[in-house]
Amino acid sequence: MKLPEYKDLASKKEFMEQIVINTPKEFDDWFKGFGDERFIYRGSCEAKYMNFTFAQRDWITKEWAKVLQIPFVEFVDRLIGKIANNNLLLDYFKSLNIRPNDILWLSFMQHYGMPTPLLDFTKDMRIGLFFATDGLKHDPSDVDMENYFSFYALQRTDTIFPVDTLFASGIENGTKLVEEFRRNNPDAQVNDSIIRNIDEMTKWIKKDGSNDGLCTMPFLFVPNPLDAKVVESITGERLYWSNPNIIAQKGCFVINTSDRLPLEEAIAKNGNNPPVISADIHKSLVDYIKKNYISDLNYDNIYPKFKKQAEIAYDEFKSNL
């Protein structure tokens, strides 16, 4: 099955606020006047593409519902299970004294090529433009929609709840409830694993039959690790989801748990969020944007490799002899 696409620019207005940019001056005026710390951004090389997650694209195009005869949330859970049993990664995180959790696995999967229910965003408008224009060439088309790429912005709100705040408050409130229960019932047994183990509290699907977990929440915001609150269980386990790519890209994620609704439609139908904003920019401006706004950004500093970083450091050492 093919993914649905926007047929023309006007069709995007159903679920998004829209800005259409055709000239360098229009771009300059928009860029200088748009955005602040409340917003996160993502780029798309084609304006016709809807904001589907990789998991949604895979689920729809490969028709996994028919093939596997399972719901979407279990499809995602099986993917997590495969990477979570990788002995090399388990030993690597063990060497760092990190207890893996489903958010960590999802972050890893997202940046290294596996389907996830995450959508990449960045805090930096320029990095969003890099993703929108990387490798993009303007081949003029008689179909107007084909002549535009898109830059999306989403205003963070309390409805797109941050996972660090969610889990920090959950641990605090859960600890109070457990302590109160133990005071009132000194001889009773209480299961406090949910506030003891980071991996238990962050499950995509809870395995205790409670039909609970991350998959039950329409949207969650996963902030950049450098901006996140420290989340620590009552036994001192820390919540981690960092990797080199997310740091280099000033990245963050939005989790969309729907199997078929792109993020903009899911948010619009939720009714409690400011809509996604789409700046649809004419592809003839790509070279102008690259030269004047993102000339210092390249594949090596957006997708860092440790070997390349070592080579750069050694070259800098030799050049200063």
C-alpha atoms as a PDB file:
ATOM      1  CA  MET A   1       0.000   0.000   0.000  1.00  0.00           C
ATOM      2  CA  LYS A   2       1.295   3.465  -0.880  1.00  0.00           C
ATOM      3  CA  LEU A   3       1.560   6.204   1.701  1.00  0.00           C
ATOM      4  CA  PRO A   4      -0.925   9.046   1.279  1.00  0.00           C
ATOM      5  CA  GLU A   5       0.560  12.367   0.195  1.00  0.00           C
ATOM      6  CA  TYR A   6      -0.615  15.963  -0.047  1.00  0.00           C
ATOM      7  CA  LYS A   7      -1.890  16.635  -3.550  1.00  0.00           C
ATOM      8  CA  ASP A   8      -1.298  20.393  -3.457  1.00  0.00           C
ATOM      9  CA  LEU A   9      -0.224  23.133  -1.077  1.00  0.00           C
ATOM     10  CA  ALA A  10      -3.792  24.103  -0.239  1.00  0.00           C
ATOM     11  CA  SER A  11      -4.575  20.604   1.049  1.00  0.00           C
ATOM     12  CA  LYS A  12      -2.060  21.045   3.864  1.00  0.00           C
ATOM     13  CA  LYS A  13      -4.191  23.750   5.474  1.00  0.00           C
ATOM     14  CA  GLU A  14      -6.669  21.208   6.814  1.00  0.00           C
ATOM     15  CA  PHE A  15      -4.327  20.171   9.607  1.00  0.00           C
ATOM     16  CA  MET A  16      -1.621  22.847   9.689  1.00  0.00           C
ATOM     17  CA  GLU A  17      -0.920  26.543   9.688  1.00  0.00           C
ATOM     18  CA  GLN A  18       0.844  27.321   6.443  1.00  0.00           C
ATOM     19  CA  ILE A  19       3.361  29.831   5.163  1.00  0.00           C
ATOM     20  CA  VAL A  20       4.382  29.774   1.480  1.00  0.00           C
ATOM     21  CA  ILE A  21       7.779  31.267   0.619  1.00  0.00           C
ATOM     22  CA  ASN A  22       8.840  31.959  -2.955  1.00  0.00           C
ATOM     23  CA  THR A  23      11.568  34.624  -2.902  1.00  0.00           C
ATOM     24  CA  PRO A  24      14.830  35.278  -1.038  1.00  0.00           C
ATOM     25  CA  LYS A  25      13.308  38.335   0.642  1.00  0.00           C
ATOM     26  CA  GLU A  26      10.284  36.370   1.805  1.00  0.00           C
ATOM     27  CA  PHE A  27      12.628  33.742   3.222  1.00  0.00           C
ATOM     28  CA  ASP A  28      14.834  36.340   4.960  1.00  0.00           C
ATOM     29  CA  ASP A  29      11.857  38.091   6.527  1.00  0.00           C
ATOM     30  CA  TRP A  30      10.338  34.794   7.693  1.00  0.00           C
ATOM     31  CA  PHE A  31      13.550  33.330   9.082  1.00  0.00           C
ATOM     32  CA  LYS A  32      14.511  36.446  11.027  1.00  0.00           C
ATOM     33  CA  GLY A  33      11.068  36.834  12.563  1.00  0.00           C
ATOM     34  CA  PHE A  34      10.195  33.225  13.286  1.00  0.00           C
ATOM     35  CA  GLY A  35      10.877  30.845  16.126  1.00  0.00           C
ATOM     36  CA  ASP A  36      11.954  30.920  19.751  1.00  0.00           C
ATOM     37  CA  GLU A  37      12.769  28.442  22.520  1.00  0.00           C
ATOM     38  CA  ARG A  38       9.153  27.229  22.617  1.00  0.00           C
ATOM     39  CA  PHE A  39       9.456  25.665  19.160  1.00  0.00           C
ATOM     40  CA  ILE A  40      11.048  22.536  17.769  1.00  0.00           C
ATOM     41  CA  TYR A  41      11.701  21.975  14.066  1.00  0.00           C
ATOM     42  CA  ARG A  42      12.032  19.350  11.359  1.00  0.00           C
ATOM     43  CA  GLY A  43      12.725  19.507   7.640  1.00  0.00           C
ATOM     44  CA  SER A  44      11.347  17.521   4.728  1.00  0.00           C
ATOM     45  CA  CYS A  45      12.777  17.544   1.208  1.00  0.00           C
ATOM     46  CA  GLU A  46       9.277  17.279  -0.290  1.00  0.00           C
ATOM     47  CA  ALA A  47       6.253  19.377   0.667  1.00  0.00           C
ATOM     48  CA  LYS A  48       3.969  16.525  -0.393  1.00  0.00           C
ATOM     49  CA  TYR A  49       5.192  14.179   2.328  1.00  0.00           C
ATOM     50  CA  MET A  50       3.091  13.802   5.463  1.00  0.00           C
ATOM     51  CA  ASN A  51       4.814  13.558   8.839  1.00  0.00           C
ATOM     52  CA  PHE A  52       4.707   9.812   9.312  1.00  0.00           C
ATOM     53  CA  THR A  53       7.116   8.032  11.613  1.00  0.00           C
ATOM     54  CA  PHE A  54       9.352   5.311  10.194  1.00  0.00           C
ATOM     55  CA  ALA A  55       7.262   2.727  12.048  1.00  0.00           C
ATOM     56  CA  GLN A  56       4.067   4.073  10.469  1.00  0.00           C
ATOM     57  CA  ARG A  57       5.618   4.093   6.995  1.00  0.00           C
ATOM     58  CA  ASP A  58       6.787   0.504   7.419  1.00  0.00           C
ATOM     59  CA  TRP A  59       3.473  -0.594   8.941  1.00  0.00           C
ATOM     60  CA  ILE A  60       1.415   0.926   6.119  1.00  0.00           C
ATOM     61  CA  THR A  61       3.559   0.198   3.054  1.00  0.00           C
ATOM     62  CA  LYS A  62       4.460  -3.378   4.017  1.00  0.00           C
ATOM     63  CA  GLU A  63       0.959  -4.055   5.328  1.00  0.00           C
ATOM     64  CA  TRP A  64       2.310  -5.663   8.475  1.00  0.00           C
ATOM     65  CA  ALA A  65      -1.184  -5.783  10.000  1.00  0.00           C
ATOM     66  CA  LYS A  66      -2.170  -8.396   7.407  1.00  0.00           C
ATOM     67  CA  VAL A  67       1.161 -10.209   7.442  1.00  0.00           C
ATOM     68  CA  LEU A  68       1.709 -10.417  11.200  1.00  0.00           C
ATOM     69  CA  GLN A  69      -1.899 -10.340  12.421  1.00  0.00           C
ATOM     70  CA  ILE A  70      -0.937  -8.171  15.391  1.00  0.00           C
ATOM     71  CA  PRO A  71      -1.751  -4.570  16.400  1.00  0.00           C
ATOM     72  CA  PHE A  72       0.654  -1.713  15.711  1.00  0.00           C
ATOM     73  CA  VAL A  73       1.750  -1.364  19.349  1.00  0.00           C
ATOM     74  CA  GLU A  74       2.859  -5.002  19.418  1.00  0.00           C
ATOM     75  CA  PHE A  75       4.711  -4.502  16.115  1.00  0.00           C
ATOM     76  CA  VAL A  76       6.742  -1.732  17.769  1.00  0.00           C
ATOM     77  CA  ASP A  77       7.242  -3.852  20.887  1.00  0.00           C
ATOM     78  CA  ARG A  78       8.656  -6.724  18.837  1.00  0.00           C
ATOM     79  CA  LEU A  79      11.133  -4.355  17.178  1.00  0.00           C
ATOM     80  CA  ILE A  80      12.256  -3.067  20.573  1.00  0.00           C
ATOM     81  CA  GLY A  81      12.613  -6.641  21.765  1.00  0.00           C
ATOM     82  CA  LYS A  82      14.979  -7.483  18.909  1.00  0.00           C
ATOM     83  CA  ILE A  83      17.418  -4.647  19.619  1.00  0.00           C
ATOM     84  CA  ALA A  84      17.080  -5.091  23.392  1.00  0.00           C
ATOM     85  CA  ASN A  85      18.506  -8.613  23.063  1.00  0.00           C
ATOM     86  CA  ASN A  86      21.646  -7.494  21.231  1.00  0.00           C
ATOM     87  CA  ASN A  87      24.520  -8.742  23.394  1.00  0.00           C
ATOM     88  CA  LEU A  88      27.031  -6.209  22.089  1.00  0.00           C
ATOM     89  CA  LEU A  89      24.775  -3.293  22.962  1.00  0.00           C
ATOM     90  CA  LEU A  90      23.862  -4.797  26.319  1.00  0.00           C
ATOM     91  CA  ASP A  91      27.556  -5.146  27.200  1.00  0.00           C
ATOM     92  CA  TYR A  92      28.287  -1.644  25.929  1.00  0.00           C
ATOM     93  CA  PHE A  93      25.622  -0.049  28.120  1.00  0.00           C
ATOM     94  CA  LYS A  94      26.695  -2.249  31.018  1.00  0.00           C
ATOM     95  CA  SER A  95      30.241  -0.919  30.646  1.00  0.00           C
ATOM     96  CA  LEU A  96      28.821   2.604  31.060  1.00  0.00           C
ATOM     97  CA  ASN A  97      26.756   1.527  34.079  1.00  0.00           C
ATOM     98  CA  ILE A  98      23.573   2.324  32.161  1.00  0.00           C
ATOM     99  CA  ARG A  99      20.498   0.167  32.602  1.00  0.00           C
ATOM    100  CA  PRO A 100      18.790   0.068  29.182  1.00  0.00           C
ATOM    101  CA  ASN A 101      15.191   1.219  28.927  1.00  0.00           C
ATOM    102  CA  ASP A 102      12.680   1.424  26.107  1.00  0.00           C
ATOM    103  CA  ILE A 103      13.253   5.145  25.514  1.00  0.00           C
ATOM    104  CA  LEU A 104      16.984   4.495  25.187  1.00  0.00           C
ATOM    105  CA  TRP A 105      16.305   1.646  22.763  1.00  0.00           C
ATOM    106  CA  LEU A 106      13.889   3.758  20.722  1.00  0.00           C
ATOM    107  CA  SER A 107      16.387   6.622  20.534  1.00  0.00           C
ATOM    108  CA  PHE A 108      19.102   4.224  19.368  1.00  0.00           C
ATOM    109  CA  MET A 109      16.779   2.613  16.828  1.00  0.00           C
ATOM    110  CA  GLN A 110      15.693   5.990  15.471  1.00  0.00           C
ATOM    111  CA  HIS A 111      19.226   7.171  14.781  1.00  0.00           C
ATOM    112  CA  TYR A 112      20.591   3.925  13.435  1.00  0.00           C
ATOM    113  CA  GLY A 113      18.017   2.782  10.935  1.00  0.00           C
ATOM    114  CA  MET A 114      15.197   0.836  12.621  1.00  0.00           C
ATOM    115  CA  PRO A 115      11.496   1.736  12.485  1.00  0.00           C
ATOM    116  CA  THR A 116      10.213   3.574  15.562  1.00  0.00           C
ATOM    117  CA  PRO A 117       7.157   5.669  16.535  1.00  0.00           C
ATOM    118  CA  LEU A 118       9.456   8.674  16.983  1.00  0.00           C
ATOM    119  CA  LEU A 119       9.694  11.731  14.754  1.00  0.00           C
ATOM    120  CA  ASP A 120      13.001  13.590  14.693  1.00  0.00           C
ATOM    121  CA  PHE A 121      12.937  17.264  15.629  1.00  0.00           C
ATOM    122  CA  THR A 122      15.684  19.726  16.509  1.00  0.00           C
ATOM    123  CA  LYS A 123      15.867  22.809  18.703  1.00  0.00           C
ATOM    124  CA  ASP A 124      17.892  24.607  16.019  1.00  0.00           C
ATOM    125  CA  MET A 125      16.199  26.146  12.976  1.00  0.00           C
ATOM    126  CA  ARG A 126      19.410  25.960  10.952  1.00  0.00           C
ATOM    127  CA  ILE A 127      19.777  22.239  11.577  1.00  0.00           C
ATOM    128  CA  GLY A 128      16.143  21.781  10.554  1.00  0.00           C
ATOM    129  CA  LEU A 129      16.976  23.566   7.297  1.00  0.00           C
ATOM    130  CA  PHE A 130      19.986  21.294   6.806  1.00  0.00           C
ATOM    131  CA  PHE A 131      17.761  18.219   6.950  1.00  0.00           C
ATOM    132  CA  ALA A 132      15.243  19.824   4.586  1.00  0.00           C
ATOM    133  CA  THR A 133      17.844  20.741   1.949  1.00  0.00           C
ATOM    134  CA  ASP A 134      20.517  18.030   2.271  1.00  0.00           C
ATOM    135  CA  GLY A 135      21.013  16.543  -1.174  1.00  0.00           C
ATOM    136  CA  LEU A 136      18.049  18.463  -2.579  1.00  0.00           C
ATOM    137  CA  LYS A 137      18.199  19.622  -6.204  1.00  0.00           C
ATOM    138  CA  HIS A 138      15.640  21.776  -7.950  1.00  0.00           C
ATOM    139  CA  ASP A 139      14.265  20.049 -11.031  1.00  0.00           C
ATOM    140  CA  PRO A 140      11.397  22.332 -12.117  1.00  0.00           C
ATOM    141  CA  SER A 141       8.099  20.510 -12.433  1.00  0.00           C
ATOM    142  CA  ASP A 142       4.767  21.307 -14.055  1.00  0.00           C
ATOM    143  CA  VAL A 143       3.179  19.956 -10.860  1.00  0.00           C
ATOM    144  CA  ASP A 144       3.394  22.910  -8.500  1.00  0.00           C
ATOM    145  CA  MET A 145       3.575  20.752  -5.372  1.00  0.00           C
ATOM    146  CA  GLU A 146       6.781  19.149  -6.655  1.00  0.00           C
ATOM    147  CA  ASN A 147       8.544  22.532  -6.583  1.00  0.00           C
ATOM    148  CA  TYR A 148       8.413  22.944  -2.786  1.00  0.00           C
ATOM    149  CA  PHE A 149      10.083  21.487   0.271  1.00  0.00           C
ATOM    150  CA  SER A 150       8.833  21.925   3.818  1.00  0.00           C
ATOM    151  CA  PHE A 151      10.123  23.179   7.127  1.00  0.00           C
ATOM    152  CA  TYR A 152       7.894  22.203  10.053  1.00  0.00           C
ATOM    153  CA  ALA A 153       7.630  23.846  13.454  1.00  0.00           C
ATOM    154  CA  LEU A 154       5.788  22.617  16.507  1.00  0.00           C
ATOM    155  CA  GLN A 155       5.165  24.645  19.619  1.00  0.00           C
ATOM    156  CA  ARG A 156       5.735  22.590  22.732  1.00  0.00           C
ATOM    157  CA  THR A 157       2.789  22.541  25.110  1.00  0.00           C
ATOM    158  CA  ASP A 158       1.790  20.698  28.254  1.00  0.00           C
ATOM    159  CA  THR A 159      -0.332  18.375  26.126  1.00  0.00           C
ATOM    160  CA  ILE A 160       2.778  17.012  24.394  1.00  0.00           C
ATOM    161  CA  PHE A 161       4.116  15.945  27.752  1.00  0.00           C
ATOM    162  CA  PRO A 162       7.895  15.734  28.347  1.00  0.00           C
ATOM    163  CA  VAL A 163       9.041  12.272  29.404  1.00  0.00           C
ATOM    164  CA  ASP A 164      11.551  13.638  31.927  1.00  0.00           C
ATOM    165  CA  THR A 165       8.817  15.555  33.765  1.00  0.00           C
ATOM    166  CA  LEU A 166       6.429  12.600  33.485  1.00  0.00           C
ATOM    167  CA  PHE A 167       8.813  10.095  35.026  1.00  0.00           C
ATOM    168  CA  ALA A 168      10.314  12.444  37.616  1.00  0.00           C
ATOM    169  CA  SER A 169       6.861  13.329  38.945  1.00  0.00           C
ATOM    170  CA  GLY A 170       5.796   9.680  38.733  1.00  0.00           C
ATOM    171  CA  ILE A 171       8.708   8.572  40.890  1.00  0.00           C
ATOM    172  CA  GLU A 172       8.076  11.345  43.404  1.00  0.00           C
ATOM    173  CA  ASN A 173       4.354  10.659  43.677  1.00  0.00           C
ATOM    174  CA  GLY A 174       4.828   6.903  43.627  1.00  0.00           C
ATOM    175  CA  THR A 175       7.355   7.083  46.456  1.00  0.00           C
ATOM    176  CA  LYS A 176       4.926   9.080  48.588  1.00  0.00           C
ATOM    177  CA  LEU A 177       2.133   6.561  47.958  1.00  0.00           C
ATOM    178  CA  VAL A 178       4.348   3.590  48.799  1.00  0.00           C
ATOM    179  CA  GLU A 179       5.589   5.216  51.998  1.00  0.00           C
ATOM    180  CA  GLU A 180       2.053   6.071  53.068  1.00  0.00           C
ATOM    181  CA  PHE A 181       0.837   2.545  52.313  1.00  0.00           C
ATOM    182  CA  ARG A 182       3.664   1.017  54.335  1.00  0.00           C
ATOM    183  CA  ARG A 183       2.939   3.290  57.293  1.00  0.00           C
ATOM    184  CA  ASN A 184      -0.710   2.262  57.267  1.00  0.00           C
ATOM    185  CA  ASN A 185      -0.048  -1.404  56.468  1.00  0.00           C
ATOM    186  CA  PRO A 186       3.268  -2.359  58.091  1.00  0.00           C
ATOM    187  CA  ASP A 187       2.780  -6.108  57.564  1.00  0.00           C
ATOM    188  CA  ALA A 188       1.638  -5.936  53.935  1.00  0.00           C
ATOM    189  CA  GLN A 189       3.767  -6.614  50.870  1.00  0.00           C
ATOM    190  CA  VAL A 190       3.979  -3.846  48.260  1.00  0.00           C
ATOM    191  CA  ASN A 191       5.380  -4.072  44.748  1.00  0.00           C
ATOM    192  CA  ASP A 192       7.489  -0.965  44.261  1.00  0.00           C
ATOM    193  CA  SER A 193       9.402  -2.177  41.188  1.00  0.00           C
ATOM    194  CA  ILE A 194       7.899   0.612  39.098  1.00  0.00           C
ATOM    195  CA  ILE A 195       9.811   3.249  41.088  1.00  0.00           C
ATOM    196  CA  ARG A 196      12.901   1.079  41.619  1.00  0.00           C
ATOM    197  CA  ASN A 197      13.676   0.116  38.042  1.00  0.00           C
ATOM    198  CA  ILE A 198      14.026   2.595  35.192  1.00  0.00           C
ATOM    199  CA  ASP A 199      13.345  -0.153  32.644  1.00  0.00           C
ATOM    200  CA  GLU A 200      10.046  -1.017  34.326  1.00  0.00           C
ATOM    201  CA  MET A 201       8.669   2.516  34.333  1.00  0.00           C
ATOM    202  CA  THR A 202       9.582   3.242  30.709  1.00  0.00           C
ATOM    203  CA  LYS A 203       8.099   0.159  29.019  1.00  0.00           C
ATOM    204  CA  TRP A 204       6.469   0.670  25.629  1.00  0.00           C
ATOM    205  CA  ILE A 205       3.967  -1.998  26.694  1.00  0.00           C
ATOM    206  CA  LYS A 206       3.693  -3.101  30.305  1.00  0.00           C
ATOM    207  CA  LYS A 207       3.879  -6.870  30.670  1.00  0.00           C
ATOM    208  CA  ASP A 208       1.758  -7.056  33.832  1.00  0.00           C
ATOM    209  CA  GLY A 209      -1.568  -7.128  32.011  1.00  0.00           C
ATOM    210  CA  SER A 210      -2.397  -3.536  32.957  1.00  0.00           C
ATOM    211  CA  ASN A 211      -2.616  -2.445  29.305  1.00  0.00           C
ATOM    212  CA  ASP A 212      -0.386   0.454  30.237  1.00  0.00           C
ATOM    213  CA  GLY A 213       2.869   1.946  29.015  1.00  0.00           C
ATOM    214  CA  LEU A 214       4.188   4.599  26.638  1.00  0.00           C
ATOM    215  CA  CYS A 215       1.991   3.224  23.850  1.00  0.00           C
ATOM    216  CA  THR A 216      -1.168   4.424  25.612  1.00  0.00           C
ATOM    217  CA  MET A 217      -0.220   8.115  25.393  1.00  0.00           C
ATOM    218  CA  PRO A 218      -1.105   9.983  22.180  1.00  0.00           C
ATOM    219  CA  PHE A 219       2.005  12.179  22.241  1.00  0.00           C
ATOM    220  CA  LEU A 220       5.139  12.417  24.320  1.00  0.00           C
ATOM    221  CA  PHE A 221       8.011  14.846  23.981  1.00  0.00           C
ATOM    222  CA  VAL A 222      11.526  13.449  24.446  1.00  0.00           C
ATOM    223  CA  PRO A 223      13.785  16.462  25.024  1.00  0.00           C
ATOM    224  CA  ASN A 224      17.423  16.762  24.118  1.00  0.00           C
ATOM    225  CA  PRO A 225      19.419  14.943  26.824  1.00  0.00           C
ATOM    226  CA  LEU A 226      21.395  18.105  27.590  1.00  0.00           C
ATOM    227  CA  ASP A 227      18.170  19.939  28.445  1.00  0.00           C
ATOM    228  CA  ALA A 228      16.378  17.185  30.315  1.00  0.00           C
ATOM    229  CA  LYS A 229      15.705  16.940  34.011  1.00  0.00           C
ATOM    230  CA  VAL A 230      17.618  14.262  35.883  1.00  0.00           C
ATOM    231  CA  VAL A 231      15.318  11.280  36.330  1.00  0.00           C
ATOM    232  CA  GLU A 232      16.497   8.858  38.983  1.00  0.00           C
ATOM    233  CA  SER A 233      14.732   5.882  40.508  1.00  0.00           C
ATOM    234  CA  ILE A 234      14.658   5.381  44.277  1.00  0.00           C
ATOM    235  CA  THR A 235      17.586   2.969  43.878  1.00  0.00           C
ATOM    236  CA  GLY A 236      19.670   5.525  41.978  1.00  0.00           C
ATOM    237  CA  GLU A 237      19.177   4.240  38.434  1.00  0.00           C
ATOM    238  CA  ARG A 238      19.265   7.073  35.891  1.00  0.00           C
ATOM    239  CA  LEU A 239      17.139   7.480  32.802  1.00  0.00           C
ATOM    240  CA  TYR A 240      19.342   7.800  29.701  1.00  0.00           C
ATOM    241  CA  TRP A 241      18.536   8.075  25.993  1.00  0.00           C
ATOM    242  CA  SER A 242      21.562   9.862  24.573  1.00  0.00           C
ATOM    243  CA  ASN A 243      23.750   9.038  21.565  1.00  0.00           C
ATOM    244  CA  PRO A 244      26.207  11.088  19.465  1.00  0.00           C
ATOM    245  CA  ASN A 245      23.678  11.923  16.742  1.00  0.00           C
ATOM    246  CA  ILE A 246      21.064  13.414  19.042  1.00  0.00           C
ATOM    247  CA  ILE A 247      23.716  15.641  20.642  1.00  0.00           C
ATOM    248  CA  ALA A 248      25.242  16.793  17.344  1.00  0.00           C
ATOM    249  CA  GLN A 249      21.807  17.513  15.862  1.00  0.00           C
ATOM    250  CA  LYS A 250      20.505  19.291  18.975  1.00  0.00           C
ATOM    251  CA  GLY A 251      17.824  16.705  18.536  1.00  0.00           C
ATOM    252  CA  CYS A 252      14.634  15.785  20.323  1.00  0.00           C
ATOM    253  CA  PHE A 253      11.702  13.525  19.511  1.00  0.00           C
ATOM    254  CA  VAL A 254       7.947  13.479  19.470  1.00  0.00           C
ATOM    255  CA  ILE A 255       6.387  10.048  20.008  1.00  0.00           C
ATOM    256  CA  ASN A 256       3.285   9.505  17.879  1.00  0.00           C
ATOM    257  CA  THR A 257       1.569   6.297  18.979  1.00  0.00           C
ATOM    258  CA  SER A 258      -1.051   6.302  16.205  1.00  0.00           C
ATOM    259  CA  ASP A 259      -0.685   3.578  13.590  1.00  0.00           C
ATOM    260  CA  ARG A 260      -1.973   5.667  10.664  1.00  0.00           C
ATOM    261  CA  LEU A 261      -2.412   9.352  11.491  1.00  0.00           C
ATOM    262  CA  PRO A 262       0.551  11.578  10.583  1.00  0.00           C
ATOM    263  CA  LEU A 263       1.613  13.846  13.406  1.00  0.00           C
ATOM    264  CA  GLU A 264      -0.114  16.974  12.080  1.00  0.00           C
ATOM    265  CA  GLU A 265      -3.455  15.160  11.728  1.00  0.00           C
ATOM    266  CA  ALA A 266      -3.147  13.403  15.087  1.00  0.00           C
ATOM    267  CA  ILE A 267      -2.436  16.719  16.817  1.00  0.00           C
ATOM    268  CA  ALA A 268      -5.247  18.532  15.012  1.00  0.00           C
ATOM    269  CA  LYS A 269      -7.741  15.796  15.921  1.00  0.00           C
ATOM    270  CA  ASN A 270      -6.555  15.789  19.524  1.00  0.00           C
ATOM    271  CA  GLY A 271      -7.814  19.364  19.717  1.00  0.00           C
ATOM    272  CA  ASN A 272      -5.691  20.550  22.642  1.00  0.00           C
ATOM    273  CA  ASN A 273      -2.494  21.579  20.899  1.00  0.00           C
ATOM    274  CA  PRO A 274      -1.387  24.456  18.690  1.00  0.00           C
ATOM    275  CA  PRO A 275      -1.210  22.968  15.204  1.00  0.00           C
ATOM    276  CA  VAL A 276       1.950  22.098  13.357  1.00  0.00           C
ATOM    277  CA  ILE A 277       3.230  25.015  11.256  1.00  0.00           C
ATOM    278  CA  SER A 278       4.391  24.275   7.723  1.00  0.00           C
ATOM    279  CA  ALA A 279       6.673  26.700   5.881  1.00  0.00           C
ATOM    280  CA  ASP A 280       6.540  25.498   2.282  1.00  0.00           C
ATOM    281  CA  ILE A 281       9.608  26.877   0.533  1.00  0.00           C
ATOM    282  CA  HIS A 282      10.278  26.954  -3.203  1.00  0.00           C
ATOM    283  CA  LYS A 283      13.125  24.653  -4.183  1.00  0.00           C
ATOM    284  CA  SER A 284      14.740  27.386  -6.284  1.00  0.00           C
ATOM    285  CA  LEU A 285      15.873  28.897  -2.954  1.00  0.00           C
ATOM    286  CA  VAL A 286      17.927  25.860  -1.899  1.00  0.00           C
ATOM    287  CA  ASP A 287      21.296  27.208  -3.038  1.00  0.00           C
ATOM    288  CA  TYR A 288      20.541  30.611  -1.520  1.00  0.00           C
ATOM    289  CA  ILE A 289      19.660  29.045   1.821  1.00  0.00           C
ATOM    290  CA  LYS A 290      22.727  26.798   1.847  1.00  0.00           C
ATOM    291  CA  LYS A 291      25.070  29.693   1.054  1.00  0.00           C
ATOM    292  CA  ASN A 292      23.580  32.280   3.406  1.00  0.00           C
ATOM    293  CA  TYR A 293      22.248  30.258   6.343  1.00  0.00           C
ATOM    294  CA  ILE A 294      23.816  26.818   6.704  1.00  0.00           C
ATOM    295  CA  SER A 295      27.158  26.887   4.876  1.00  0.00           C
ATOM    296  CA  ASP A 296      28.989  25.649   8.001  1.00  0.00           C
ATOM    297  CA  LEU A 297      26.799  22.557   8.404  1.00  0.00           C
ATOM    298  CA  ASN A 298      27.821  19.307   6.753  1.00  0.00           C
ATOM    299  CA  TYR A 299      27.391  15.555   7.024  1.00  0.00           C
ATOM    300  CA  ASP A 300      30.402  15.141   9.331  1.00  0.00           C
ATOM    301  CA  ASN A 301      29.140  17.519  12.017  1.00  0.00           C
ATOM    302  CA  ILE A 302      25.510  16.434  11.783  1.00  0.00           C
ATOM    303  CA  TYR A 303      26.200  12.686  11.694  1.00  0.00           C
ATOM    304  CA  PRO A 304      29.390  12.435  13.771  1.00  0.00           C
ATOM    305  CA  LYS A 305      31.598   9.373  13.622  1.00  0.00           C
ATOM    306  CA  PHE A 306      34.094   8.878  16.445  1.00  0.00           C
ATOM    307  CA  LYS A 307      36.838   7.919  13.994  1.00  0.00           C
ATOM    308  CA  LYS A 308      36.263  11.130  12.051  1.00  0.00           C
ATOM    309  CA  GLN A 309      36.349  13.200  15.250  1.00  0.00           C
ATOM    310  CA  ALA A 310      39.699  11.626  16.131  1.00  0.00           C
ATOM    311  CA  GLU A 311      41.026  12.362  12.629  1.00  0.00           C
ATOM    312  CA  ILE A 312      39.936  15.998  12.906  1.00  0.00           C
ATOM    313  CA  ALA A 313      41.614  16.358  16.304  1.00  0.00           C
ATOM    314  CA  TYR A 314      44.848  14.800  15.015  1.00  0.00           C
ATOM    315  CA  ASP A 315      44.832  17.041  11.904  1.00  0.00           C
ATOM    316  CA  GLU A 316      44.377  20.098  14.137  1.00  0.00           C
ATOM    317  CA  PHE A 317      47.287  18.940  16.298  1.00  0.00           C
ATOM    318  CA  LYS A 318      49.587  18.535  13.266  1.00  0.00           C
ATOM    319  CA  SER A 319      48.592  21.877  11.768  1.00  0.00           C
ATOM    320  CA  ASN A 320      49.613  23.692  14.973  1.00  0.00           C
ATOM    321  CA  LEU A 321      53.125  22.224  15.231  1.00  0.00           C
END
